[in-house]
Protein backbone atom coordinates (compact mmCIF):
# COMPACT_ATOMS: atom_id res chain seq x y z
CA MET A 1 6.84 -15.47 13.25
CA PRO A 2 6.87 -11.73 14.04
CA PHE A 3 6.11 -10.75 10.41
CA ASP A 4 3.25 -11.12 7.96
CA PHE A 5 4.45 -11.14 4.34
CA LYS A 6 1.76 -9.91 1.93
CA LYS A 7 1.88 -10.03 -1.85
CA THR A 8 1.25 -6.81 -3.76
CA ASP A 9 -0.03 -6.27 -7.31
CA ILE A 10 3.41 -7.40 -8.48
CA ASP A 11 4.31 -10.77 -6.92
CA ASP A 12 7.98 -10.04 -6.24
CA VAL A 13 7.26 -6.83 -4.29
CA ILE A 14 6.24 -7.73 -0.74
CA LEU A 15 4.52 -5.69 1.96
CA VAL A 16 6.04 -6.68 5.30
CA VAL A 17 3.78 -6.16 8.32
CA PRO A 18 5.69 -6.55 11.59
CA LYS A 19 4.11 -7.77 14.81
CA VAL A 20 4.07 -4.80 17.17
CA PHE A 21 4.07 -5.24 20.94
CA GLU A 22 2.55 -2.12 22.53
CA ASP A 23 1.81 -1.19 26.10
CA ASN A 24 1.77 1.91 28.30
CA ARG A 25 5.56 2.27 27.89
CA GLY A 26 5.53 2.41 24.10
CA PHE A 27 6.17 -0.36 21.58
CA PHE A 28 8.67 -2.95 20.42
CA LEU A 29 9.02 -4.64 17.06
CA GLU A 30 11.59 -6.64 15.19
CA SER A 31 12.35 -4.73 12.01
CA TYR A 32 14.47 -7.45 10.45
CA LYS A 33 15.22 -11.08 11.20
CA LYS A 34 17.05 -12.91 8.43
CA THR A 35 15.64 -16.39 9.12
CA ASP A 36 12.04 -15.12 9.10
CA PHE A 37 12.62 -13.04 5.98
CA ILE A 38 14.01 -16.09 4.15
CA LYS A 39 10.87 -18.03 5.13
CA GLY A 40 8.81 -15.09 3.83
CA GLY A 41 10.56 -15.20 0.44
CA ILE A 42 13.13 -12.42 0.95
CA LYS A 43 16.57 -13.97 0.58
CA ASP A 44 18.74 -10.90 -0.09
CA ASP A 45 21.84 -10.14 1.94
CA PHE A 46 21.48 -6.51 2.98
CA ASN A 47 24.83 -4.76 3.37
CA GLN A 48 24.04 -1.03 3.44
CA ASP A 49 21.61 0.94 5.61
CA ASN A 50 20.36 4.38 4.56
CA HIS A 51 18.41 7.09 6.39
CA SER A 52 16.71 10.02 4.68
CA LYS A 53 14.53 12.92 5.78
CA SER A 54 12.15 14.79 3.47
CA SER A 55 9.68 17.64 3.82
CA PHE A 56 6.03 17.64 2.77
CA GLY A 57 5.58 17.34 -0.97
CA VAL A 58 9.05 16.02 -1.71
CA LEU A 59 9.02 13.30 -4.34
CA ARG A 60 12.21 11.26 -4.61
CA GLY A 61 12.65 8.90 -7.52
CA LEU A 62 12.26 6.84 -9.45
CA HIS A 63 15.77 5.50 -8.73
CA TYR A 64 17.66 2.28 -9.39
CA GLN A 65 21.19 1.03 -9.99
CA SER A 66 22.24 -0.77 -13.16
CA ARG A 67 24.29 -3.96 -13.37
CA PRO A 68 26.52 -5.05 -11.74
CA HIS A 69 25.48 -2.92 -8.74
CA MET A 70 21.73 -3.58 -8.59
CA GLN A 71 20.02 -3.18 -5.24
CA ALA A 72 17.08 -4.78 -3.50
CA LYS A 73 15.61 -2.50 -0.81
CA LEU A 74 13.63 -2.93 2.39
CA VAL A 75 11.99 0.46 3.06
CA ARG A 76 10.45 1.63 6.35
CA CYS A 77 9.07 5.03 7.34
CA ILE A 78 9.98 5.70 10.97
CA LYS A 79 8.56 9.22 11.16
CA GLY A 80 5.66 10.70 9.23
CA LYS A 81 3.94 9.17 6.22
CA ILE A 82 4.88 8.40 2.61
CA PHE A 83 3.45 6.80 -0.49
CA ASP A 84 6.16 4.33 -1.55
CA VAL A 85 6.34 3.02 -5.14
CA ALA A 86 8.13 0.23 -7.00
CA VAL A 87 8.22 0.06 -10.83
CA ASP A 88 9.16 -3.17 -12.61
CA ILE A 89 12.00 -2.43 -15.07
CA ARG A 90 12.95 -6.05 -15.75
CA LYS A 91 12.79 -6.07 -19.55
CA HIS A 92 11.63 -9.72 -19.82
CA SER A 93 9.09 -9.58 -16.99
CA GLU A 94 5.34 -10.03 -17.53
CA THR A 95 4.85 -6.91 -15.38
CA PHE A 96 7.48 -4.75 -17.12
CA GLY A 97 6.53 -1.06 -16.78
CA LYS A 98 3.88 -1.76 -14.11
CA TRP A 99 3.94 -0.22 -10.66
CA THR A 100 2.72 -1.04 -7.20
CA GLY A 101 2.78 1.04 -4.04
CA ALA A 102 1.91 1.23 -0.38
CA ILE A 103 1.42 3.82 2.34
CA LEU A 104 4.23 3.49 4.86
CA SER A 105 4.04 5.42 8.10
CA GLU A 106 5.23 5.59 11.67
CA GLU A 107 1.70 4.52 12.65
CA ASN A 108 1.37 1.36 10.54
CA LYS A 109 5.08 0.46 10.83
CA ASN A 110 4.88 -1.53 7.57
CA MET A 111 7.84 -2.09 5.27
CA LEU A 112 8.02 -2.53 1.50
CA TYR A 113 10.45 -5.04 0.03
CA ILE A 114 11.56 -4.01 -3.46
CA PRO A 115 13.69 -6.60 -5.26
CA GLU A 116 16.47 -6.01 -7.77
CA GLY A 117 15.06 -4.98 -11.13
CA PHE A 118 12.74 -2.29 -9.82
CA ALA A 119 12.92 1.50 -9.75
CA HIS A 120 11.93 3.02 -6.41
CA GLY A 121 10.41 6.34 -5.41
CA PHE A 122 8.25 7.95 -2.76
CA LEU A 123 6.12 10.99 -2.04
CA THR A 124 6.18 12.63 1.41
CA LEU A 125 2.61 13.04 2.71
CA SER A 126 3.36 14.47 6.18
CA ASP A 127 5.14 17.65 7.32
CA THR A 128 8.35 15.61 7.38
CA ALA A 129 9.12 11.95 6.88
CA GLU A 130 12.13 9.90 7.79
CA LEU A 131 12.93 6.65 6.03
CA VAL A 132 15.38 3.96 6.93
CA TYR A 133 16.04 1.31 4.38
CA LYS A 134 18.31 -1.60 3.80
CA ALA A 135 20.01 -2.13 0.45
CA SER A 136 21.47 -5.37 -0.87
CA GLY A 137 24.26 -3.59 -2.70
CA GLU A 138 26.42 -0.63 -1.93
CA TYR A 139 25.76 2.67 -3.68
CA SER A 140 27.65 3.15 -6.95
CA ALA A 141 27.61 6.62 -8.52
CA GLN A 142 28.57 5.15 -11.92
CA ASN A 143 25.51 2.86 -11.84
CA ASP A 144 23.04 5.41 -10.47
CA ARG A 145 20.03 5.56 -12.83
CA GLY A 146 16.44 6.77 -12.84
CA VAL A 147 13.09 6.87 -14.58
CA LEU A 148 10.93 10.00 -14.90
CA TRP A 149 8.54 10.14 -11.92
CA ASN A 150 5.52 11.06 -14.08
CA ASP A 151 6.24 8.89 -17.13
CA PRO A 152 2.82 8.60 -18.85
CA ASP A 153 3.59 5.04 -19.98
CA ILE A 154 3.94 3.93 -16.35
CA ASN A 155 1.06 6.18 -15.20
CA ILE A 156 1.57 6.09 -11.43
CA ASP A 157 -1.58 7.38 -9.75
CA TRP A 158 0.20 9.88 -7.50
CA GLU A 159 -3.01 11.95 -7.11
CA LYS A 160 -4.90 9.05 -5.54
CA TYR A 161 -2.30 9.06 -2.79
CA GLY A 162 -2.19 12.77 -2.09
CA LEU A 163 -0.37 14.53 -4.92
CA ASN A 164 -2.66 17.37 -5.99
CA PHE A 165 0.15 19.92 -6.35
CA GLU A 166 3.53 20.22 -8.07
CA PRO A 167 5.97 18.04 -6.10
CA VAL A 168 9.36 19.19 -4.85
CA LEU A 169 11.94 17.43 -7.03
CA SER A 170 15.72 17.36 -7.27
CA ASP A 171 17.22 18.74 -10.46
CA LYS A 172 18.22 15.17 -11.37
CA ASP A 173 14.68 13.82 -10.91
CA LYS A 174 13.19 16.57 -13.10
CA ILE A 175 15.10 15.31 -16.14
CA GLN A 176 15.17 11.52 -15.76
CA PRO A 177 14.37 9.64 -19.00
CA ARG A 178 11.07 7.96 -19.73
CA LEU A 179 11.16 4.17 -19.48
CA LYS A 180 10.91 3.78 -23.26
CA ASP A 181 14.03 5.97 -23.70
CA ILE A 182 16.29 4.06 -21.30
CA LYS A 183 19.20 2.27 -22.96
CA GLU A 184 18.64 -1.47 -23.32
CA GLU A 185 21.79 -2.24 -21.29
CA ASP A 186 20.52 -0.12 -18.37
CA LEU A 187 17.30 -2.10 -18.04
CA LEU A 188 17.43 -4.94 -15.63
């Protein structure tokens, strides 16, 4: 199997480590293979691919989509380096309000699988970073939701992973609600 599937602090979020074949010409890796992902516990059908580019210090998130347009994501950083975060917003989960994260970079080539029921965000740690990620559902503007990136109840340790300055945020991300203020029907 060309992948190693590693559990994170939250069981349903999985760090995917691909097998990389390198030589003097460069490298090759399989970034997705449905049969292997199913064996590794990732059964989602991905039907949308996204590509984003961010500058140093940009923090995007924490984003999710409400029912019926929830999305699982498979995130990979193909250029640069990011700190990628998933927050459990499943209201009946034992880990509700908890977060887990991983450094994703062009060097380590790791991916983070984030299932439905999680908010997602990342901090750019390099001059620029480019992400490609698969989503299990198509984007729906009406179901686009978010959680405040620095919600003290979630307490993501952004500083441990490089944030010792004021991040660059979108206007939307500056005013997202705290988790405790999200409408019950918008929680997953």
